Amino acid sequence: SAFGAAVGLISRQPLATQAEADQLAKARFNRGVLELIEGEGACRGRTDLRAGAVIRIDGLGQRFSGPYYVVSANHGYTPHQGYLTRFTVRRNAT
């Protein structure tokens, strides 16, 4: 790499093994990757739209259209709007 190795403190708790350190580093990396692009939306009720699903959202331009991980989904019904699903999503920027 042109800039050399990066070193930083990511845990204040002592880690007993290299495997624990690797596991913590991987978890922190994965969490950071998913938090690069976040959004929320609503659509006509969809029973298949739930947390943990991966959905494709189009019509947002080249940068933002594509697959998203569903973080949460709330399903509701009102006489005025009918069955509606509100959701939050995340994806990386690549």
PDB file of N, CA and C in Angstrom:
ATOM      1  N   SER A   1       0.835  -1.183   0.000  1.00  0.00           N
ATOM      2  CA  SER A   1       0.000   0.000   0.000  1.00  0.00           C
ATOM      3  C   SER A   1       0.879   1.245   0.000  1.00  0.00           C
ATOM      4  N   ALA A   2       0.453   2.284  -0.629  1.00  0.00           N
ATOM      5  CA  ALA A   2       1.219   3.521  -0.726  1.00  0.00           C
ATOM      6  C   ALA A   2       1.371   4.224   0.609  1.00  0.00           C
ATOM      7  N   PHE A   3       0.431   4.026   1.523  1.00  0.00           N
ATOM      8  CA  PHE A   3       0.449   4.733   2.799  1.00  0.00           C
ATOM      9  C   PHE A   3       0.938   3.881   3.963  1.00  0.00           C
ATOM     10  N   GLY A   4       1.237   2.630   3.739  1.00  0.00           N
ATOM     11  CA  GLY A   4       1.696   1.760   4.821  1.00  0.00           C
ATOM     12  C   GLY A   4       0.530   1.212   5.625  1.00  0.00           C
ATOM     13  N   ALA A   5       0.847   0.454   6.649  1.00  0.00           N
ATOM     14  CA  ALA A   5      -0.179  -0.194   7.469  1.00  0.00           C
ATOM     15  C   ALA A   5      -0.859   0.822   8.374  1.00  0.00           C
ATOM     16  N   ALA A   6      -2.146   0.629   8.597  1.00  0.00           N
ATOM     17  CA  ALA A   6      -2.905   1.481   9.513  1.00  0.00           C
ATOM     18  C   ALA A   6      -2.999   0.789  10.863  1.00  0.00           C
ATOM     19  N   VAL A   7      -2.797   1.538  11.917  1.00  0.00           N
ATOM     20  CA  VAL A   7      -2.868   0.998  13.267  1.00  0.00           C
ATOM     21  C   VAL A   7      -3.843   1.846  14.055  1.00  0.00           C
ATOM     22  N   GLY A   8      -4.714   1.195  14.835  1.00  0.00           N
ATOM     23  CA  GLY A   8      -5.652   1.949  15.651  1.00  0.00           C
ATOM     24  C   GLY A   8      -6.217   1.092  16.759  1.00  0.00           C
ATOM     25  N   LEU A   9      -6.728   1.736  17.781  1.00  0.00           N
ATOM     26  CA  LEU A   9      -7.342   1.049  18.912  1.00  0.00           C
ATOM     27  C   LEU A   9      -8.840   0.958  18.668  1.00  0.00           C
ATOM     28  N   ILE A  10      -9.385  -0.270  18.614  1.00  0.00           N
ATOM     29  CA  ILE A  10     -10.821  -0.418  18.393  1.00  0.00           C
ATOM     30  C   ILE A  10     -11.520  -1.088  19.563  1.00  0.00           C
ATOM     31  N   SER A  11     -10.795  -1.413  20.613  1.00  0.00           N
ATOM     32  CA  SER A  11     -11.415  -2.063  21.766  1.00  0.00           C
ATOM     33  C   SER A  11     -10.677  -1.678  23.034  1.00  0.00           C
ATOM     34  N   ARG A  12     -11.434  -1.344  24.060  1.00  0.00           N
ATOM     35  CA  ARG A  12     -10.832  -1.049  25.354  1.00  0.00           C
ATOM     36  C   ARG A  12     -10.796  -2.295  26.237  1.00  0.00           C
ATOM     37  N   GLN A  13     -11.458  -3.359  25.798  1.00  0.00           N
ATOM     38  CA  GLN A  13     -11.439  -4.602  26.562  1.00  0.00           C
ATOM     39  C   GLN A  13     -10.270  -5.456  26.100  1.00  0.00           C
ATOM     40  N   PRO A  14      -9.607  -6.140  27.019  1.00  0.00           N
ATOM     41  CA  PRO A  14      -8.488  -6.994  26.614  1.00  0.00           C
ATOM     42  C   PRO A  14      -8.983  -8.211  25.826  1.00  0.00           C
ATOM     43  N   LEU A  15      -8.259  -8.566  24.800  1.00  0.00           N
ATOM     44  CA  LEU A  15      -8.580  -9.735  23.990  1.00  0.00           C
ATOM     45  C   LEU A  15      -7.525 -10.796  24.269  1.00  0.00           C
ATOM     46  N   ALA A  16      -7.987 -12.014  24.517  1.00  0.00           N
ATOM     47  CA  ALA A  16      -7.082 -13.081  24.949  1.00  0.00           C
ATOM     48  C   ALA A  16      -6.286 -13.704  23.807  1.00  0.00           C
ATOM     49  N   THR A  17      -6.869 -13.727  22.609  1.00  0.00           N
ATOM     50  CA  THR A  17      -6.200 -14.422  21.509  1.00  0.00           C
ATOM     51  C   THR A  17      -6.245 -13.590  20.237  1.00  0.00           C
ATOM     52  N   GLN A  18      -5.414 -13.970  19.289  1.00  0.00           N
ATOM     53  CA  GLN A  18      -5.436 -13.320  17.981  1.00  0.00           C
ATOM     54  C   GLN A  18      -6.767 -13.583  17.288  1.00  0.00           C
ATOM     55  N   ALA A  19      -7.337 -14.769  17.495  1.00  0.00           N
ATOM     56  CA  ALA A  19      -8.633 -15.100  16.886  1.00  0.00           C
ATOM     57  C   ALA A  19      -9.720 -14.140  17.367  1.00  0.00           C
ATOM     58  N   GLU A  20      -9.725 -13.808  18.667  1.00  0.00           N
ATOM     59  CA  GLU A  20     -10.699 -12.844  19.188  1.00  0.00           C
ATOM     60  C   GLU A  20     -10.490 -11.469  18.554  1.00  0.00           C
ATOM     61  N   ALA A  21      -9.244 -11.066  18.416  1.00  0.00           N
ATOM     62  CA  ALA A  21      -8.939  -9.775  17.797  1.00  0.00           C
ATOM     63  C   ALA A  21      -9.383  -9.753  16.339  1.00  0.00           C
ATOM     64  N   ASP A  22      -9.130 -10.837  15.614  1.00  0.00           N
ATOM     65  CA  ASP A  22      -9.553 -10.928  14.218  1.00  0.00           C
ATOM     66  C   ASP A  22     -11.069 -10.870  14.103  1.00  0.00           C
ATOM     67  N   GLN A  23     -11.766 -11.578  14.995  1.00  0.00           N
ATOM     68  CA  GLN A  23     -13.227 -11.596  14.978  1.00  0.00           C
ATOM     69  C   GLN A  23     -13.786 -10.197  15.246  1.00  0.00           C
ATOM     70  N   LEU A  24     -13.236  -9.486  16.215  1.00  0.00           N
ATOM     71  CA  LEU A  24     -13.687  -8.134  16.523  1.00  0.00           C
ATOM     72  C   LEU A  24     -13.418  -7.191  15.353  1.00  0.00           C
ATOM     73  N   ALA A  25     -12.240  -7.290  14.756  1.00  0.00           N
ATOM     74  CA  ALA A  25     -11.907  -6.431  13.620  1.00  0.00           C
ATOM     75  C   ALA A  25     -12.850  -6.681  12.446  1.00  0.00           C
ATOM     76  N   LYS A  26     -13.152  -7.940  12.173  1.00  0.00           N
ATOM     77  CA  LYS A  26     -14.061  -8.273  11.073  1.00  0.00           C
ATOM     78  C   LYS A  26     -15.463  -7.739  11.344  1.00  0.00           C
ATOM     79  N   ALA A  27     -15.950  -7.877  12.571  1.00  0.00           N
ATOM     80  CA  ALA A  27     -17.282  -7.378  12.927  1.00  0.00           C
ATOM     81  C   ALA A  27     -17.352  -5.861  12.777  1.00  0.00           C
ATOM     82  N   ARG A  28     -16.325  -5.158  13.237  1.00  0.00           N
ATOM     83  CA  ARG A  28     -16.305  -3.688  13.116  1.00  0.00           C
ATOM     84  C   ARG A  28     -16.256  -3.268  11.649  1.00  0.00           C
ATOM     85  N   PHE A  29     -15.472  -3.976  10.852  1.00  0.00           N
ATOM     86  CA  PHE A  29     -15.382  -3.669   9.427  1.00  0.00           C
ATOM     87  C   PHE A  29     -16.733  -3.865   8.754  1.00  0.00           C
ATOM     88  N   ASN A  30     -17.371  -5.021   8.996  1.00  0.00           N
ATOM     89  CA  ASN A  30     -18.660  -5.315   8.374  1.00  0.00           C
ATOM     90  C   ASN A  30     -19.718  -4.302   8.777  1.00  0.00           C
ATOM     91  N   ARG A  31     -19.734  -3.895  10.033  1.00  0.00           N
ATOM     92  CA  ARG A  31     -20.707  -2.903  10.490  1.00  0.00           C
ATOM     93  C   ARG A  31     -20.468  -1.570   9.782  1.00  0.00           C
ATOM     94  N   GLY A  32     -19.227  -1.172   9.647  1.00  0.00           N
ATOM     95  CA  GLY A  32     -18.906   0.084   8.980  1.00  0.00           C
ATOM     96  C   GLY A  32     -19.253   0.084   7.506  1.00  0.00           C
ATOM     97  N   VAL A  33     -19.038  -1.034   6.834  1.00  0.00           N
ATOM     98  CA  VAL A  33     -19.337  -1.140   5.410  1.00  0.00           C
ATOM     99  C   VAL A  33     -20.824  -0.935   5.147  1.00  0.00           C
ATOM    100  N   LEU A  34     -21.681  -1.508   5.989  1.00  0.00           N
ATOM    101  CA  LEU A  34     -23.121  -1.392   5.776  1.00  0.00           C
ATOM    102  C   LEU A  34     -23.670  -0.009   6.095  1.00  0.00           C
ATOM    103  N   GLU A  35     -22.932   0.808   6.797  1.00  0.00           N
ATOM    104  CA  GLU A  35     -23.461   2.098   7.206  1.00  0.00           C
ATOM    105  C   GLU A  35     -23.117   3.229   6.245  1.00  0.00           C
ATOM    106  N   LEU A  36     -22.580   2.931   5.096  1.00  0.00           N
ATOM    107  CA  LEU A  36     -22.184   3.989   4.183  1.00  0.00           C
ATOM    108  C   LEU A  36     -23.364   4.682   3.521  1.00  0.00           C
ATOM    109  N   ILE A  37     -24.376   3.944   3.115  1.00  0.00           N
ATOM    110  CA  ILE A  37     -25.579   4.540   2.526  1.00  0.00           C
ATOM    111  C   ILE A  37     -26.779   3.986   3.277  1.00  0.00           C
ATOM    112  N   GLU A  38     -27.612   4.878   3.789  1.00  0.00           N
ATOM    113  CA  GLU A  38     -28.819   4.478   4.515  1.00  0.00           C
ATOM    114  C   GLU A  38     -30.019   5.185   3.899  1.00  0.00           C
ATOM    115  N   GLY A  39     -31.164   4.568   4.010  1.00  0.00           N
ATOM    116  CA  GLY A  39     -32.371   5.193   3.491  1.00  0.00           C
ATOM    117  C   GLY A  39     -33.604   4.629   4.159  1.00  0.00           C
ATOM    118  N   GLU A  40     -34.704   5.284   3.907  1.00  0.00           N
ATOM    119  CA  GLU A  40     -35.988   4.779   4.388  1.00  0.00           C
ATOM    120  C   GLU A  40     -37.032   5.062   3.333  1.00  0.00           C
ATOM    121  N   GLY A  41     -38.060   4.255   3.344  1.00  0.00           N
ATOM    122  CA  GLY A  41     -39.100   4.410   2.347  1.00  0.00           C
ATOM    123  C   GLY A  41     -40.387   3.762   2.787  1.00  0.00           C
ATOM    124  N   ALA A  42     -41.371   3.867   1.918  1.00  0.00           N
ATOM    125  CA  ALA A  42     -42.678   3.262   2.165  1.00  0.00           C
ATOM    126  C   ALA A  42     -43.226   2.781   0.827  1.00  0.00           C
ATOM    127  N   CYS A  43     -44.003   1.718   0.880  1.00  0.00           N
ATOM    128  CA  CYS A  43     -44.620   1.179  -0.323  1.00  0.00           C
ATOM    129  C   CYS A  43     -45.940   0.524   0.052  1.00  0.00           C
ATOM    130  N   ARG A  44     -46.716   0.187  -0.957  1.00  0.00           N
ATOM    131  CA  ARG A  44     -47.917  -0.603  -0.684  1.00  0.00           C
ATOM    132  C   ARG A  44     -47.495  -1.843   0.071  1.00  0.00           C
ATOM    133  N   GLY A  45     -48.345  -2.298   0.953  1.00  0.00           N
ATOM    134  CA  GLY A  45     -47.991  -3.411   1.826  1.00  0.00           C
ATOM    135  C   GLY A  45     -47.404  -4.610   1.100  1.00  0.00           C
ATOM    136  N   ARG A  46     -46.278  -5.078   1.615  1.00  0.00           N
ATOM    137  CA  ARG A  46     -45.617  -6.275   1.084  1.00  0.00           C
ATOM    138  C   ARG A  46     -45.252  -7.170   2.251  1.00  0.00           C
ATOM    139  N   THR A  47     -45.896  -8.315   2.333  1.00  0.00           N
ATOM    140  CA  THR A  47     -45.627  -9.237   3.439  1.00  0.00           C
ATOM    141  C   THR A  47     -44.229  -9.833   3.366  1.00  0.00           C
ATOM    142  N   ASP A  48     -43.621  -9.855   2.177  1.00  0.00           N
ATOM    143  CA  ASP A  48     -42.281 -10.429   2.025  1.00  0.00           C
ATOM    144  C   ASP A  48     -41.170  -9.450   2.400  1.00  0.00           C
ATOM    145  N   LEU A  49     -41.509  -8.199   2.635  1.00  0.00           N
ATOM    146  CA  LEU A  49     -40.508  -7.191   2.985  1.00  0.00           C
ATOM    147  C   LEU A  49     -40.307  -7.193   4.491  1.00  0.00           C
ATOM    148  N   ARG A  50     -39.154  -7.719   4.935  1.00  0.00           N
ATOM    149  CA  ARG A  50     -38.884  -7.820   6.373  1.00  0.00           C
ATOM    150  C   ARG A  50     -37.386  -7.713   6.626  1.00  0.00           C
ATOM    151  N   ALA A  51     -37.042  -7.437   7.876  1.00  0.00           N
ATOM    152  CA  ALA A  51     -35.640  -7.277   8.258  1.00  0.00           C
ATOM    153  C   ALA A  51     -34.838  -8.511   7.861  1.00  0.00           C
ATOM    154  N   GLY A  52     -33.655  -8.274   7.316  1.00  0.00           N
ATOM    155  CA  GLY A  52     -32.780  -9.357   6.893  1.00  0.00           C
ATOM    156  C   GLY A  52     -32.863  -9.666   5.409  1.00  0.00           C
ATOM    157  N   ALA A  53     -33.906  -9.189   4.746  1.00  0.00           N
ATOM    158  CA  ALA A  53     -34.056  -9.430   3.309  1.00  0.00           C
ATOM    159  C   ALA A  53     -33.140  -8.489   2.531  1.00  0.00           C
ATOM    160  N   VAL A  54     -32.797  -8.883   1.325  1.00  0.00           N
ATOM    161  CA  VAL A  54     -32.073  -8.011   0.406  1.00  0.00           C
ATOM    162  C   VAL A  54     -33.034  -7.680  -0.725  1.00  0.00           C
ATOM    163  N   ILE A  55     -33.228  -6.384  -0.961  1.00  0.00           N
ATOM    164  CA  ILE A  55     -34.156  -5.948  -2.003  1.00  0.00           C
ATOM    165  C   ILE A  55     -33.418  -5.072  -3.007  1.00  0.00           C
ATOM    166  N   ARG A  56     -34.001  -4.924  -4.170  1.00  0.00           N
ATOM    167  CA  ARG A  56     -33.434  -4.033  -5.183  1.00  0.00           C
ATOM    168  C   ARG A  56     -34.316  -2.795  -5.279  1.00  0.00           C
ATOM    169  N   ILE A  57     -33.687  -1.632  -5.199  1.00  0.00           N
ATOM    170  CA  ILE A  57     -34.395  -0.363  -5.336  1.00  0.00           C
ATOM    171  C   ILE A  57     -33.856   0.318  -6.583  1.00  0.00           C
ATOM    172  N   ASP A  58     -34.739   0.645  -7.509  1.00  0.00           N
ATOM    173  CA  ASP A  58     -34.357   1.290  -8.762  1.00  0.00           C
ATOM    174  C   ASP A  58     -34.970   2.682  -8.840  1.00  0.00           C
ATOM    175  N   GLY A  59     -34.535   3.435  -9.835  1.00  0.00           N
ATOM    176  CA  GLY A  59     -35.075   4.768 -10.058  1.00  0.00           C
ATOM    177  C   GLY A  59     -34.412   5.846  -9.222  1.00  0.00           C
ATOM    178  N   LEU A  60     -33.251   5.535  -8.633  1.00  0.00           N
ATOM    179  CA  LEU A  60     -32.549   6.502  -7.787  1.00  0.00           C
ATOM    180  C   LEU A  60     -31.257   6.998  -8.431  1.00  0.00           C
ATOM    181  N   GLY A  61     -31.084   6.724  -9.705  1.00  0.00           N
ATOM    182  CA  GLY A  61     -29.845   7.100 -10.375  1.00  0.00           C
ATOM    183  C   GLY A  61     -28.808   5.998 -10.250  1.00  0.00           C
ATOM    184  N   GLN A  62     -27.735   6.127 -11.004  1.00  0.00           N
ATOM    185  CA  GLN A  62     -26.716   5.078 -11.053  1.00  0.00           C
ATOM    186  C   GLN A  62     -26.052   4.849  -9.699  1.00  0.00           C
ATOM    187  N   ARG A  63     -25.775   5.904  -8.954  1.00  0.00           N
ATOM    188  CA  ARG A  63     -25.055   5.768  -7.680  1.00  0.00           C
ATOM    189  C   ARG A  63     -25.890   5.096  -6.605  1.00  0.00           C
ATOM    190  N   PHE A  64     -27.187   5.389  -6.532  1.00  0.00           N
ATOM    191  CA  PHE A  64     -27.991   4.916  -5.411  1.00  0.00           C
ATOM    192  C   PHE A  64     -28.923   3.750  -5.743  1.00  0.00           C
ATOM    193  N   SER A  65     -29.177   3.461  -7.001  1.00  0.00           N
ATOM    194  CA  SER A  65     -30.000   2.306  -7.355  1.00  0.00           C
ATOM    195  C   SER A  65     -29.200   1.030  -7.146  1.00  0.00           C
ATOM    196  N   GLY A  66     -29.886  -0.047  -6.752  1.00  0.00           N
ATOM    197  CA  GLY A  66     -29.205  -1.324  -6.580  1.00  0.00           C
ATOM    198  C   GLY A  66     -29.719  -2.088  -5.388  1.00  0.00           C
ATOM    199  N   PRO A  67     -28.976  -3.115  -4.963  1.00  0.00           N
ATOM    200  CA  PRO A  67     -29.427  -3.948  -3.845  1.00  0.00           C
ATOM    201  C   PRO A  67     -29.215  -3.249  -2.498  1.00  0.00           C
ATOM    202  N   TYR A  68     -30.164  -3.452  -1.597  1.00  0.00           N
ATOM    203  CA  TYR A  68     -30.104  -2.907  -0.240  1.00  0.00           C
ATOM    204  C   TYR A  68     -30.478  -3.987   0.764  1.00  0.00           C
ATOM    205  N   TYR A  69     -29.858  -3.928   1.925  1.00  0.00           N
ATOM    206  CA  TYR A  69     -30.162  -4.810   3.052  1.00  0.00           C
ATOM    207  C   TYR A  69     -31.250  -4.136   3.881  1.00  0.00           C
ATOM    208  N   VAL A  70     -32.351  -4.846   4.149  1.00  0.00           N
ATOM    209  CA  VAL A  70     -33.457  -4.291   4.931  1.00  0.00           C
ATOM    210  C   VAL A  70     -33.121  -4.410   6.413  1.00  0.00           C
ATOM    211  N   VAL A  71     -33.008  -3.266   7.090  1.00  0.00           N
ATOM    212  CA  VAL A  71     -32.688  -3.218   8.513  1.00  0.00           C
ATOM    213  C   VAL A  71     -33.949  -3.392   9.345  1.00  0.00           C
ATOM    214  N   SER A  72     -35.031  -2.738   8.939  1.00  0.00           N
ATOM    215  CA  SER A  72     -36.298  -2.867   9.667  1.00  0.00           C
ATOM    216  C   SER A  72     -37.451  -2.674   8.699  1.00  0.00           C
ATOM    217  N   ALA A  73     -38.589  -3.259   9.046  1.00  0.00           N
ATOM    218  CA  ALA A  73     -39.810  -3.093   8.261  1.00  0.00           C
ATOM    219  C   ALA A  73     -40.994  -3.088   9.215  1.00  0.00           C
ATOM    220  N   ASN A  74     -41.859  -2.109   9.051  1.00  0.00           N
ATOM    221  CA  ASN A  74     -43.067  -2.001   9.870  1.00  0.00           C
ATOM    222  C   ASN A  74     -44.277  -2.051   8.954  1.00  0.00           C
ATOM    223  N   HIS A  75     -45.195  -2.924   9.276  1.00  0.00           N
ATOM    224  CA  HIS A  75     -46.388  -3.119   8.472  1.00  0.00           C
ATOM    225  C   HIS A  75     -47.580  -2.543   9.222  1.00  0.00           C
ATOM    226  N   GLY A  76     -48.416  -1.813   8.515  1.00  0.00           N
ATOM    227  CA  GLY A  76     -49.579  -1.228   9.174  1.00  0.00           C
ATOM    228  C   GLY A  76     -50.729  -1.023   8.205  1.00  0.00           C
ATOM    229  N   TYR A  77     -51.877  -0.770   8.777  1.00  0.00           N
ATOM    230  CA  TYR A  77     -53.082  -0.529   7.981  1.00  0.00           C
ATOM    231  C   TYR A  77     -53.841   0.651   8.565  1.00  0.00           C
ATOM    232  N   THR A  78     -54.239   1.561   7.699  1.00  0.00           N
ATOM    233  CA  THR A  78     -55.140   2.641   8.093  1.00  0.00           C
ATOM    234  C   THR A  78     -56.245   2.716   7.045  1.00  0.00           C
ATOM    235  N   PRO A  79     -57.437   3.148   7.434  1.00  0.00           N
ATOM    236  CA  PRO A  79     -58.516   3.268   6.452  1.00  0.00           C
ATOM    237  C   PRO A  79     -58.159   4.233   5.311  1.00  0.00           C
ATOM    238  N   HIS A  80     -57.392   5.261   5.618  1.00  0.00           N
ATOM    239  CA  HIS A  80     -57.046   6.263   4.608  1.00  0.00           C
ATOM    240  C   HIS A  80     -55.992   5.756   3.622  1.00  0.00           C
ATOM    241  N   GLN A  81     -54.933   5.085   4.125  1.00  0.00           N
ATOM    242  CA  GLN A  81     -53.828   4.649   3.268  1.00  0.00           C
ATOM    243  C   GLN A  81     -53.878   3.174   2.896  1.00  0.00           C
ATOM    244  N   GLY A  82     -54.659   2.377   3.600  1.00  0.00           N
ATOM    245  CA  GLY A  82     -54.674   0.947   3.350  1.00  0.00           C
ATOM    246  C   GLY A  82     -53.460   0.277   3.982  1.00  0.00           C
ATOM    247  N   TYR A  83     -53.064  -0.865   3.421  1.00  0.00           N
ATOM    248  CA  TYR A  83     -51.922  -1.626   3.936  1.00  0.00           C
ATOM    249  C   TYR A  83     -50.639  -0.991   3.415  1.00  0.00           C
ATOM    250  N   LEU A  84     -49.764  -0.583   4.325  1.00  0.00           N
ATOM    251  CA  LEU A  84     -48.540   0.117   3.974  1.00  0.00           C
ATOM    252  C   LEU A  84     -47.357  -0.506   4.709  1.00  0.00           C
ATOM    253  N   THR A  85     -46.223  -0.609   4.034  1.00  0.00           N
ATOM    254  CA  THR A  85     -44.990  -1.086   4.659  1.00  0.00           C
ATOM    255  C   THR A  85     -43.972   0.048   4.640  1.00  0.00           C
ATOM    256  N   ARG A  86     -43.467   0.398   5.821  1.00  0.00           N
ATOM    257  CA  ARG A  86     -42.394   1.389   5.951  1.00  0.00           C
ATOM    258  C   ARG A  86     -41.120   0.618   6.291  1.00  0.00           C
ATOM    259  N   PHE A  87     -39.986   1.023   5.691  1.00  0.00           N
ATOM    260  CA  PHE A  87     -38.761   0.245   5.871  1.00  0.00           C
ATOM    261  C   PHE A  87     -37.531   1.145   5.918  1.00  0.00           C
ATOM    262  N   THR A  88     -36.463   0.620   6.526  1.00  0.00           N
ATOM    263  CA  THR A  88     -35.151   1.269   6.494  1.00  0.00           C
ATOM    264  C   THR A  88     -34.167   0.289   5.862  1.00  0.00           C
ATOM    265  N   VAL A  89     -33.224   0.835   5.111  1.00  0.00           N
ATOM    266  CA  VAL A  89     -32.268   0.012   4.373  1.00  0.00           C
ATOM    267  C   VAL A  89     -30.854   0.565   4.514  1.00  0.00           C
ATOM    268  N   ARG A  90     -29.885  -0.297   4.226  1.00  0.00           N
ATOM    269  CA  ARG A  90     -28.466   0.077   4.203  1.00  0.00           C
ATOM    270  C   ARG A  90     -27.774  -0.656   3.066  1.00  0.00           C
ATOM    271  N   ARG A  91     -26.694  -0.058   2.595  1.00  0.00           N
ATOM    272  CA  ARG A  91     -25.824  -0.728   1.627  1.00  0.00           C
ATOM    273  C   ARG A  91     -24.474  -0.060   1.634  1.00  0.00           C
ATOM    274  N   ASN A  92     -23.491  -0.742   1.067  1.00  0.00           N
ATOM    275  CA  ASN A  92     -22.184  -0.104   0.945  1.00  0.00           C
ATOM    276  C   ASN A  92     -22.179   0.783  -0.289  1.00  0.00           C
ATOM    277  N   ALA A  93     -21.154   1.556  -0.444  1.00  0.00           N
ATOM    278  CA  ALA A  93     -21.111   2.547  -1.519  1.00  0.00           C
ATOM    279  C   ALA A  93     -20.572   2.000  -2.832  1.00  0.00           C
ATOM    280  N   THR A  94     -20.214   0.724  -2.884  1.00  0.00           N
ATOM    281  CA  THR A  94     -19.646   0.188  -4.126  1.00  0.00           C
ATOM    282  C   THR A  94     -20.702  -0.305  -5.067  1.00  0.00           C
TER     283      THR A  94
END
